Amino acid sequence: MTKPTTNDKARPRALITGASAGIGVEFARQLAKRGYDLVLAARRKERMDELAGELSDATVEVVAVDLVTDEGVGELETMLRSGSIDLLVNNAGYGTFGEFAKLPLDRELAQLDLNVRALMRLSHAAAVPMVERKRGAIINVASAAAFQAIPYNATYAATKAFVLHFSEALHEELKQHGVTVTCLCPGPVKTEFQEVAGLDPGGIPAMAWMSTESVVSSAISAMRSGRAITVPGAVNMATAVSSKFAPRFITRRIAAAMFRDRATGG
């Protein structure tokens, strides 16, 4: 689906993965207001078509893809390698909660493929033409979970740790070429994430929750400032900082105590 607009050639173009819900939808709304044309990529085409209908300020292309598959990632890689994208937002991802040994392995492996492998492939496909033309930006969505090991959320936290470290390294490599890489590390956000992951959000303190609007605004501001990392919210920032200084055996035991009952239904 494509909607025409005026002065297309003067507008930058952003590709957003996971654009059918939550943070991805908010990225689309805020970037359209900031003058971007958009490519929305996710599995649920109907939702993206509905979102595209809202974004009267932008030309919007909808691409229905499953980024767990090689074919889905390959379709977006082709678009990115063409050099037509100025900003890549790697937002697609999901989490699982529970005892790792009791979770279905195929879903854990698919989580790894989406959160890590697809993100890496799309980052590479975007970076090559961006480096060549000496401009561009990548926003990789990680999580406040990236800063420590989290029992009962083992695979998700590990994948987001990869995203954080990978993004920091790319930030240093690519900034000399005029390309910005920013890692967004939000804490709890009221989206479909908790339902999909099977997590009861009831035990999360109210002060830790952030809106999608403030999280995305933080990411865009960090990108425009050339910052490598943004952790929206004072509580989430404090948690991320404290995890660097507390002994690791303490942080993982605290996390285990916090998540055990909510992740196992105890």
C-alpha atoms as a PDB file:
ATOM      1  CA  MET A   1       0.000   0.000   0.000  1.00  0.00           C
ATOM      2  CA  THR A   2       1.410   3.389  -0.976  1.00  0.00           C
ATOM      3  CA  LYS A   3      -0.056   6.814  -0.416  1.00  0.00           C
ATOM      4  CA  PRO A   4       1.199   9.687  -2.573  1.00  0.00           C
ATOM      5  CA  THR A   5       2.409  12.892  -1.029  1.00  0.00           C
ATOM      6  CA  THR A   6       4.099  16.024  -2.273  1.00  0.00           C
ATOM      7  CA  ASN A   7       7.828  16.674  -2.441  1.00  0.00           C
ATOM      8  CA  ASP A   8       8.686  12.990  -1.956  1.00  0.00           C
ATOM      9  CA  LYS A   9      12.301  13.374  -3.075  1.00  0.00           C
ATOM     10  CA  ALA A  10      13.102  15.837  -0.291  1.00  0.00           C
ATOM     11  CA  ARG A  11      11.825  13.564   2.468  1.00  0.00           C
ATOM     12  CA  PRO A  12      13.996  10.980   4.251  1.00  0.00           C
ATOM     13  CA  ARG A  13      12.699   7.419   4.342  1.00  0.00           C
ATOM     14  CA  ALA A  14      12.520   5.148   7.398  1.00  0.00           C
ATOM     15  CA  LEU A  15      12.033   1.390   7.571  1.00  0.00           C
ATOM     16  CA  ILE A  16      10.410   0.206  10.806  1.00  0.00           C
ATOM     17  CA  THR A  17      10.189  -3.475  11.720  1.00  0.00           C
ATOM     18  CA  GLY A  18       7.574  -4.696  14.165  1.00  0.00           C
ATOM     19  CA  ALA A  19       5.392  -1.857  12.913  1.00  0.00           C
ATOM     20  CA  SER A  20       2.000  -3.430  13.631  1.00  0.00           C
ATOM     21  CA  ALA A  21       1.869  -2.761  17.385  1.00  0.00           C
ATOM     22  CA  GLY A  22       3.283  -0.943  20.378  1.00  0.00           C
ATOM     23  CA  ILE A  23       6.576   0.879  20.030  1.00  0.00           C
ATOM     24  CA  GLY A  24       6.702   0.245  16.279  1.00  0.00           C
ATOM     25  CA  VAL A  25       3.376   2.010  15.742  1.00  0.00           C
ATOM     26  CA  GLU A  26       4.548   4.977  17.791  1.00  0.00           C
ATOM     27  CA  PHE A  27       7.796   5.197  15.807  1.00  0.00           C
ATOM     28  CA  ALA A  28       5.693   5.418  12.649  1.00  0.00           C
ATOM     29  CA  ARG A  29       3.526   8.201  14.052  1.00  0.00           C
ATOM     30  CA  GLN A  30       6.372  10.307  15.385  1.00  0.00           C
ATOM     31  CA  LEU A  31       8.643   9.880  12.365  1.00  0.00           C
ATOM     32  CA  ALA A  32       5.809  10.784   9.983  1.00  0.00           C
ATOM     33  CA  LYS A  33       5.281  13.996  11.953  1.00  0.00           C
ATOM     34  CA  ARG A  34       9.012  14.707  11.691  1.00  0.00           C
ATOM     35  CA  GLY A  35       8.968  14.546   7.905  1.00  0.00           C
ATOM     36  CA  TYR A  36       9.823  10.909   7.153  1.00  0.00           C
ATOM     37  CA  ASP A  37       8.213   8.698   4.555  1.00  0.00           C
ATOM     38  CA  LEU A  38       7.821   5.168   5.853  1.00  0.00           C
ATOM     39  CA  VAL A  39       8.168   1.494   5.118  1.00  0.00           C
ATOM     40  CA  LEU A  40       6.208  -0.519   7.681  1.00  0.00           C
ATOM     41  CA  ALA A  41       7.242  -4.151   8.063  1.00  0.00           C
ATOM     42  CA  ALA A  42       5.563  -6.836  10.188  1.00  0.00           C
ATOM     43  CA  ARG A  43       3.431  -9.950   9.812  1.00  0.00           C
ATOM     44  CA  ARG A  44       0.016  -8.357  10.382  1.00  0.00           C
ATOM     45  CA  LYS A  45      -0.763  -6.476   7.183  1.00  0.00           C
ATOM     46  CA  GLU A  46      -4.268  -5.405   8.216  1.00  0.00           C
ATOM     47  CA  ARG A  47      -2.960  -3.522  11.224  1.00  0.00           C
ATOM     48  CA  MET A  48      -0.288  -1.782   9.185  1.00  0.00           C
ATOM     49  CA  ASP A  49      -2.810  -0.812   6.511  1.00  0.00           C
ATOM     50  CA  GLU A  50      -4.965   0.747   9.228  1.00  0.00           C
ATOM     51  CA  LEU A  51      -1.959   2.631  10.607  1.00  0.00           C
ATOM     52  CA  ALA A  52      -0.998   3.825   7.123  1.00  0.00           C
ATOM     53  CA  GLY A  53      -4.459   5.303   6.779  1.00  0.00           C
ATOM     54  CA  GLU A  54      -3.779   7.504   9.812  1.00  0.00           C
ATOM     55  CA  LEU A  55      -0.486   8.896   8.544  1.00  0.00           C
ATOM     56  CA  SER A  56      -1.712  11.534   6.133  1.00  0.00           C
ATOM     57  CA  ASP A  57       1.591  13.425   6.203  1.00  0.00           C
ATOM     58  CA  ALA A  58       3.700  10.631   4.739  1.00  0.00           C
ATOM     59  CA  THR A  59       4.059   8.209   1.861  1.00  0.00           C
ATOM     60  CA  VAL A  60       3.674   4.801   3.478  1.00  0.00           C
ATOM     61  CA  GLU A  61       4.615   1.409   2.053  1.00  0.00           C
ATOM     62  CA  VAL A  62       3.400  -1.699   3.856  1.00  0.00           C
ATOM     63  CA  VAL A  63       5.430  -4.912   3.638  1.00  0.00           C
ATOM     64  CA  ALA A  64       4.018  -8.071   5.232  1.00  0.00           C
ATOM     65  CA  VAL A  65       6.991 -10.242   6.242  1.00  0.00           C
ATOM     66  CA  ASP A  66       7.916 -12.816   8.863  1.00  0.00           C
ATOM     67  CA  LEU A  67      11.421 -11.939  10.036  1.00  0.00           C
ATOM     68  CA  VAL A  68      11.913 -15.327  11.660  1.00  0.00           C
ATOM     69  CA  THR A  69      12.300 -16.694   8.114  1.00  0.00           C
ATOM     70  CA  ASP A  70      15.208 -16.229   5.715  1.00  0.00           C
ATOM     71  CA  GLU A  71      12.770 -15.167   3.002  1.00  0.00           C
ATOM     72  CA  GLY A  72      11.259 -12.428   5.135  1.00  0.00           C
ATOM     73  CA  VAL A  73      14.619 -10.999   6.162  1.00  0.00           C
ATOM     74  CA  GLY A  74      15.885 -11.287   2.602  1.00  0.00           C
ATOM     75  CA  GLU A  75      13.042  -9.165   1.251  1.00  0.00           C
ATOM     76  CA  LEU A  76      13.968  -6.290   3.549  1.00  0.00           C
ATOM     77  CA  GLU A  77      17.694  -6.780   2.950  1.00  0.00           C
ATOM     78  CA  THR A  78      17.130  -6.178  -0.762  1.00  0.00           C
ATOM     79  CA  MET A  79      15.338  -2.916  -0.032  1.00  0.00           C
ATOM     80  CA  LEU A  80      18.027  -1.755   2.397  1.00  0.00           C
ATOM     81  CA  ARG A  81      20.930  -2.617   0.101  1.00  0.00           C
ATOM     82  CA  SER A  82      19.352  -0.473  -2.620  1.00  0.00           C
ATOM     83  CA  GLY A  83      20.227   2.575  -0.549  1.00  0.00           C
ATOM     84  CA  SER A  84      16.654   3.887  -0.443  1.00  0.00           C
ATOM     85  CA  ILE A  85      16.422   3.891   3.370  1.00  0.00           C
ATOM     86  CA  ASP A  86      17.822   6.721   5.507  1.00  0.00           C
ATOM     87  CA  LEU A  87      16.789   5.338   8.901  1.00  0.00           C
ATOM     88  CA  LEU A  88      16.387   1.720   9.959  1.00  0.00           C
ATOM     89  CA  VAL A  89      14.436   1.024  13.152  1.00  0.00           C
ATOM     90  CA  ASN A  90      15.050  -2.566  14.233  1.00  0.00           C
ATOM     91  CA  ASN A  91      12.085  -2.893  16.563  1.00  0.00           C
ATOM     92  CA  ALA A  92      10.723  -6.392  15.844  1.00  0.00           C
ATOM     93  CA  GLY A  93      11.178  -8.832  18.696  1.00  0.00           C
ATOM     94  CA  TYR A  94       9.451 -10.762  21.459  1.00  0.00           C
ATOM     95  CA  GLY A  95      10.201 -12.323  24.818  1.00  0.00           C
ATOM     96  CA  THR A  96       9.308 -15.473  26.721  1.00  0.00           C
ATOM     97  CA  PHE A  97       8.996 -16.043  30.456  1.00  0.00           C
ATOM     98  CA  GLY A  98       9.292 -19.239  32.445  1.00  0.00           C
ATOM     99  CA  GLU A  99      11.806 -21.916  33.319  1.00  0.00           C
ATOM    100  CA  PHE A 100      13.991 -22.385  30.265  1.00  0.00           C
ATOM    101  CA  ALA A 101      13.964 -26.185  30.551  1.00  0.00           C
ATOM    102  CA  LYS A 102      10.153 -26.169  30.458  1.00  0.00           C
ATOM    103  CA  LEU A 103       9.724 -23.767  27.535  1.00  0.00           C
ATOM    104  CA  PRO A 104       9.322 -25.034  23.938  1.00  0.00           C
ATOM    105  CA  LEU A 105      12.756 -24.971  22.341  1.00  0.00           C
ATOM    106  CA  ASP A 106      11.450 -24.020  18.908  1.00  0.00           C
ATOM    107  CA  ARG A 107       9.988 -20.789  20.289  1.00  0.00           C
ATOM    108  CA  GLU A 108      13.257 -19.976  22.078  1.00  0.00           C
ATOM    109  CA  LEU A 109      15.198 -20.517  18.846  1.00  0.00           C
ATOM    110  CA  ALA A 110      12.729 -18.388  16.875  1.00  0.00           C
ATOM    111  CA  GLN A 111      13.200 -15.658  19.479  1.00  0.00           C
ATOM    112  CA  LEU A 112      16.945 -15.831  18.871  1.00  0.00           C
ATOM    113  CA  ASP A 113      16.424 -15.656  15.099  1.00  0.00           C
ATOM    114  CA  LEU A 114      14.182 -12.590  15.353  1.00  0.00           C
ATOM    115  CA  ASN A 115      15.830 -10.636  18.165  1.00  0.00           C
ATOM    116  CA  VAL A 116      19.422 -11.269  17.084  1.00  0.00           C
ATOM    117  CA  ARG A 117      19.909 -12.814  13.648  1.00  0.00           C
ATOM    118  CA  ALA A 118      17.364 -10.699  11.763  1.00  0.00           C
ATOM    119  CA  LEU A 119      18.568  -7.532  13.492  1.00  0.00           C
ATOM    120  CA  MET A 120      22.171  -8.272  12.570  1.00  0.00           C
ATOM    121  CA  ARG A 121      21.344  -9.023   8.942  1.00  0.00           C
ATOM    122  CA  LEU A 122      19.238  -5.902   8.511  1.00  0.00           C
ATOM    123  CA  SER A 123      21.835  -3.729  10.241  1.00  0.00           C
ATOM    124  CA  HIS A 124      24.483  -4.978   7.819  1.00  0.00           C
ATOM    125  CA  ALA A 125      22.239  -4.451   4.801  1.00  0.00           C
ATOM    126  CA  ALA A 126      21.531  -0.883   5.936  1.00  0.00           C
ATOM    127  CA  ALA A 127      25.091  -0.029   6.958  1.00  0.00           C
ATOM    128  CA  VAL A 128      26.752  -0.814   3.628  1.00  0.00           C
ATOM    129  CA  PRO A 129      24.985   1.881   1.533  1.00  0.00           C
ATOM    130  CA  MET A 130      24.894   4.304   4.476  1.00  0.00           C
ATOM    131  CA  VAL A 131      28.666   4.149   4.807  1.00  0.00           C
ATOM    132  CA  GLU A 132      29.044   4.635   1.071  1.00  0.00           C
ATOM    133  CA  ARG A 133      26.954   7.808   1.041  1.00  0.00           C
ATOM    134  CA  LYS A 134      28.302   9.030   4.416  1.00  0.00           C
ATOM    135  CA  ARG A 135      24.928   9.450   6.122  1.00  0.00           C
ATOM    136  CA  GLY A 136      22.156   7.465   7.726  1.00  0.00           C
ATOM    137  CA  ALA A 137      20.989   6.141  11.070  1.00  0.00           C
ATOM    138  CA  ILE A 138      20.059   2.879  12.752  1.00  0.00           C
ATOM    139  CA  ILE A 139      17.986   2.559  15.920  1.00  0.00           C
ATOM    140  CA  ASN A 140      18.123  -0.881  17.522  1.00  0.00           C
ATOM    141  CA  VAL A 141      15.503  -1.584  20.177  1.00  0.00           C
ATOM    142  CA  ALA A 142      16.953  -3.537  23.090  1.00  0.00           C
ATOM    143  CA  SER A 143      15.633  -3.401  26.658  1.00  0.00           C
ATOM    144  CA  ALA A 144      16.578  -2.468  30.197  1.00  0.00           C
ATOM    145  CA  ALA A 145      16.865  -6.260  30.517  1.00  0.00           C
ATOM    146  CA  ALA A 146      20.053  -6.010  28.449  1.00  0.00           C
ATOM    147  CA  PHE A 147      22.109  -4.894  31.432  1.00  0.00           C
ATOM    148  CA  GLN A 148      21.986  -8.110  33.459  1.00  0.00           C
ATOM    149  CA  ALA A 149      21.073 -11.795  33.427  1.00  0.00           C
ATOM    150  CA  ILE A 150      17.407 -12.396  34.270  1.00  0.00           C
ATOM    151  CA  PRO A 151      16.337 -15.860  35.427  1.00  0.00           C
ATOM    152  CA  TYR A 152      12.944 -16.919  33.997  1.00  0.00           C
ATOM    153  CA  ASN A 153      13.566 -14.451  31.186  1.00  0.00           C
ATOM    154  CA  ALA A 154      16.866 -15.992  30.179  1.00  0.00           C
ATOM    155  CA  THR A 155      16.703 -16.018  26.381  1.00  0.00           C
ATOM    156  CA  TYR A 156      15.108 -12.589  26.035  1.00  0.00           C
ATOM    157  CA  ALA A 157      17.589 -10.853  28.353  1.00  0.00           C
ATOM    158  CA  ALA A 158      20.496 -12.568  26.590  1.00  0.00           C
ATOM    159  CA  THR A 159      19.283 -11.506  23.141  1.00  0.00           C
ATOM    160  CA  LYS A 160      18.882  -7.914  24.295  1.00  0.00           C
ATOM    161  CA  ALA A 161      22.367  -7.948  25.822  1.00  0.00           C
ATOM    162  CA  PHE A 162      23.613  -8.883  22.367  1.00  0.00           C
ATOM    163  CA  VAL A 163      21.655  -6.016  20.808  1.00  0.00           C
ATOM    164  CA  LEU A 164      23.121  -3.533  23.292  1.00  0.00           C
ATOM    165  CA  HIS A 165      26.749  -4.609  22.861  1.00  0.00           C
ATOM    166  CA  PHE A 166      26.418  -5.010  19.111  1.00  0.00           C
ATOM    167  CA  SER A 167      24.883  -1.547  18.785  1.00  0.00           C
ATOM    168  CA  GLU A 168      27.556   0.101  20.933  1.00  0.00           C
ATOM    169  CA  ALA A 169      30.281  -1.443  18.810  1.00  0.00           C
ATOM    170  CA  LEU A 170      28.601  -0.375  15.553  1.00  0.00           C
ATOM    171  CA  HIS A 171      28.154   3.127  16.948  1.00  0.00           C
ATOM    172  CA  GLU A 172      31.934   3.487  17.299  1.00  0.00           C
ATOM    173  CA  GLU A 173      32.678   1.893  13.930  1.00  0.00           C
ATOM    174  CA  LEU A 174      30.181   3.851  11.857  1.00  0.00           C
ATOM    175  CA  LYS A 175      30.257   7.344  13.362  1.00  0.00           C
ATOM    176  CA  GLN A 176      33.455   8.122  11.438  1.00  0.00           C
ATOM    177  CA  HIS A 177      31.417   7.570   8.262  1.00  0.00           C
ATOM    178  CA  GLY A 178      28.607   9.914   9.279  1.00  0.00           C
ATOM    179  CA  VAL A 179      26.268   7.085  10.321  1.00  0.00           C
ATOM    180  CA  THR A 180      24.596   7.069  13.753  1.00  0.00           C
ATOM    181  CA  VAL A 181      23.739   3.868  15.628  1.00  0.00           C
ATOM    182  CA  THR A 182      21.561   4.257  18.723  1.00  0.00           C
ATOM    183  CA  CYS A 183      20.380   1.539  21.089  1.00  0.00           C
ATOM    184  CA  LEU A 184      17.035   2.108  22.812  1.00  0.00           C
ATOM    185  CA  CYS A 185      16.747   0.288  26.155  1.00  0.00           C
ATOM    186  CA  PRO A 186      13.228   0.812  27.525  1.00  0.00           C
ATOM    187  CA  GLY A 187      11.903  -0.604  30.751  1.00  0.00           C
ATOM    188  CA  PRO A 188       8.270  -1.711  31.082  1.00  0.00           C
ATOM    189  CA  VAL A 189       6.021  -0.254  28.382  1.00  0.00           C
ATOM    190  CA  LYS A 190       2.278  -0.871  28.178  1.00  0.00           C
ATOM    191  CA  THR A 191       2.076  -2.804  24.907  1.00  0.00           C
ATOM    192  CA  GLU A 192       1.194  -6.345  23.802  1.00  0.00           C
ATOM    193  CA  PHE A 193       4.655  -7.524  24.894  1.00  0.00           C
ATOM    194  CA  GLN A 194       3.609  -8.846  28.304  1.00  0.00           C
ATOM    195  CA  GLU A 195       0.633 -10.765  26.915  1.00  0.00           C
ATOM    196  CA  VAL A 196       2.664 -12.358  24.124  1.00  0.00           C
ATOM    197  CA  ALA A 197       5.433 -13.278  26.562  1.00  0.00           C
ATOM    198  CA  GLY A 198       3.042 -14.781  29.098  1.00  0.00           C
ATOM    199  CA  LEU A 199       4.060 -12.402  31.898  1.00  0.00           C
ATOM    200  CA  ASP A 200       1.749 -11.076  34.593  1.00  0.00           C
ATOM    201  CA  PRO A 201       2.684  -7.375  34.809  1.00  0.00           C
ATOM    202  CA  GLY A 202       0.974  -6.906  38.165  1.00  0.00           C
ATOM    203  CA  GLY A 203       4.156  -6.905  40.229  1.00  0.00           C
ATOM    204  CA  ILE A 204       5.924  -4.189  38.253  1.00  0.00           C
ATOM    205  CA  PRO A 205       6.000  -0.888  40.200  1.00  0.00           C
ATOM    206  CA  ALA A 206       3.816   1.825  38.685  1.00  0.00           C
ATOM    207  CA  MET A 207       6.722   4.272  38.630  1.00  0.00           C
ATOM    208  CA  ALA A 208       8.691   1.992  36.280  1.00  0.00           C
ATOM    209  CA  TRP A 209       6.105   2.052  33.475  1.00  0.00           C
ATOM    210  CA  MET A 210       6.717   4.320  30.481  1.00  0.00           C
ATOM    211  CA  SER A 211       4.416   5.368  27.649  1.00  0.00           C
ATOM    212  CA  THR A 212       5.243   4.459  24.065  1.00  0.00           C
ATOM    213  CA  GLU A 213       5.232   8.194  23.271  1.00  0.00           C
ATOM    214  CA  SER A 214       7.976   9.035  25.762  1.00  0.00           C
ATOM    215  CA  VAL A 215      10.065   5.966  24.879  1.00  0.00           C
ATOM    216  CA  VAL A 216      10.043   6.719  21.151  1.00  0.00           C
ATOM    217  CA  SER A 217      10.634  10.427  21.712  1.00  0.00           C
ATOM    218  CA  SER A 218      13.702   9.524  23.774  1.00  0.00           C
ATOM    219  CA  ALA A 219      15.026   7.299  20.980  1.00  0.00           C
ATOM    220  CA  ILE A 220      14.564   9.911  18.259  1.00  0.00           C
ATOM    221  CA  SER A 221      16.160  12.604  20.421  1.00  0.00           C
ATOM    222  CA  ALA A 222      19.141  10.334  21.140  1.00  0.00           C
ATOM    223  CA  MET A 223      19.530   9.529  17.445  1.00  0.00           C
ATOM    224  CA  ARG A 224      19.467  13.196  16.469  1.00  0.00           C
ATOM    225  CA  SER A 225      22.049  13.947  19.177  1.00  0.00           C
ATOM    226  CA  GLY A 226      24.299  11.117  17.988  1.00  0.00           C
ATOM    227  CA  ARG A 227      24.100   9.202  21.264  1.00  0.00           C
ATOM    228  CA  ALA A 228      24.879   5.490  21.428  1.00  0.00           C
ATOM    229  CA  ILE A 229      22.407   4.498  24.175  1.00  0.00           C
ATOM    230  CA  THR A 230      19.202   5.830  25.662  1.00  0.00           C
ATOM    231  CA  VAL A 231      17.433   4.382  28.712  1.00  0.00           C
ATOM    232  CA  PRO A 232      14.142   6.281  29.090  1.00  0.00           C
ATOM    233  CA  GLY A 233      12.932   7.014  32.619  1.00  0.00           C
ATOM    234  CA  ALA A 234      14.780   7.796  35.834  1.00  0.00           C
ATOM    235  CA  VAL A 235      13.855   4.495  37.496  1.00  0.00           C
ATOM    236  CA  ASN A 236      15.015   2.435  34.543  1.00  0.00           C
ATOM    237  CA  MET A 237      18.233   4.426  34.244  1.00  0.00           C
ATOM    238  CA  ALA A 238      18.949   3.920  37.942  1.00  0.00           C
ATOM    239  CA  THR A 239      18.357   0.191  37.586  1.00  0.00           C
ATOM    240  CA  ALA A 240      20.667  -0.024  34.585  1.00  0.00           C
ATOM    241  CA  VAL A 241      23.423   1.915  36.337  1.00  0.00           C
ATOM    242  CA  SER A 242      23.139  -0.026  39.590  1.00  0.00           C
ATOM    243  CA  SER A 243      23.461  -3.343  37.773  1.00  0.00           C
ATOM    244  CA  LYS A 244      26.966  -2.308  36.697  1.00  0.00           C
ATOM    245  CA  PHE A 245      28.182  -1.899  40.251  1.00  0.00           C
ATOM    246  CA  ALA A 246      26.330  -4.547  42.244  1.00  0.00           C
ATOM    247  CA  PRO A 247      27.911  -8.030  42.353  1.00  0.00           C
ATOM    248  CA  ARG A 248      26.440 -10.183  39.602  1.00  0.00           C
ATOM    249  CA  PHE A 249      25.313 -12.928  42.002  1.00  0.00           C
ATOM    250  CA  ILE A 250      23.199 -10.354  43.818  1.00  0.00           C
ATOM    251  CA  THR A 251      21.528  -8.882  40.724  1.00  0.00           C
ATOM    252  CA  ARG A 252      20.620 -12.281  39.315  1.00  0.00           C
ATOM    253  CA  ARG A 253      19.221 -13.487  42.657  1.00  0.00           C
ATOM    254  CA  ILE A 254      17.108 -10.355  42.988  1.00  0.00           C
ATOM    255  CA  ALA A 255      15.860 -10.795  39.419  1.00  0.00           C
ATOM    256  CA  ALA A 256      15.049 -14.449  40.095  1.00  0.00           C
ATOM    257  CA  ALA A 257      13.036 -13.497  43.160  1.00  0.00           C
ATOM    258  CA  MET A 258      11.140 -10.830  41.212  1.00  0.00           C
ATOM    259  CA  PHE A 259      10.254 -13.009  38.246  1.00  0.00           C
ATOM    260  CA  ARG A 260       9.875 -16.511  39.707  1.00  0.00           C
ATOM    261  CA  ASP A 261       6.224 -16.342  40.729  1.00  0.00           C
ATOM    262  CA  ARG A 262       5.069 -14.185  37.811  1.00  0.00           C
ATOM    263  CA  ALA A 263       6.829 -16.349  35.219  1.00  0.00           C
ATOM    264  CA  THR A 264       5.842 -19.735  36.636  1.00  0.00           C
ATOM    265  CA  GLY A 265       2.348 -18.885  37.842  1.00  0.00           C
ATOM    266  CA  GLY A 266       3.375 -19.586  41.435  1.00  0.00           C
END
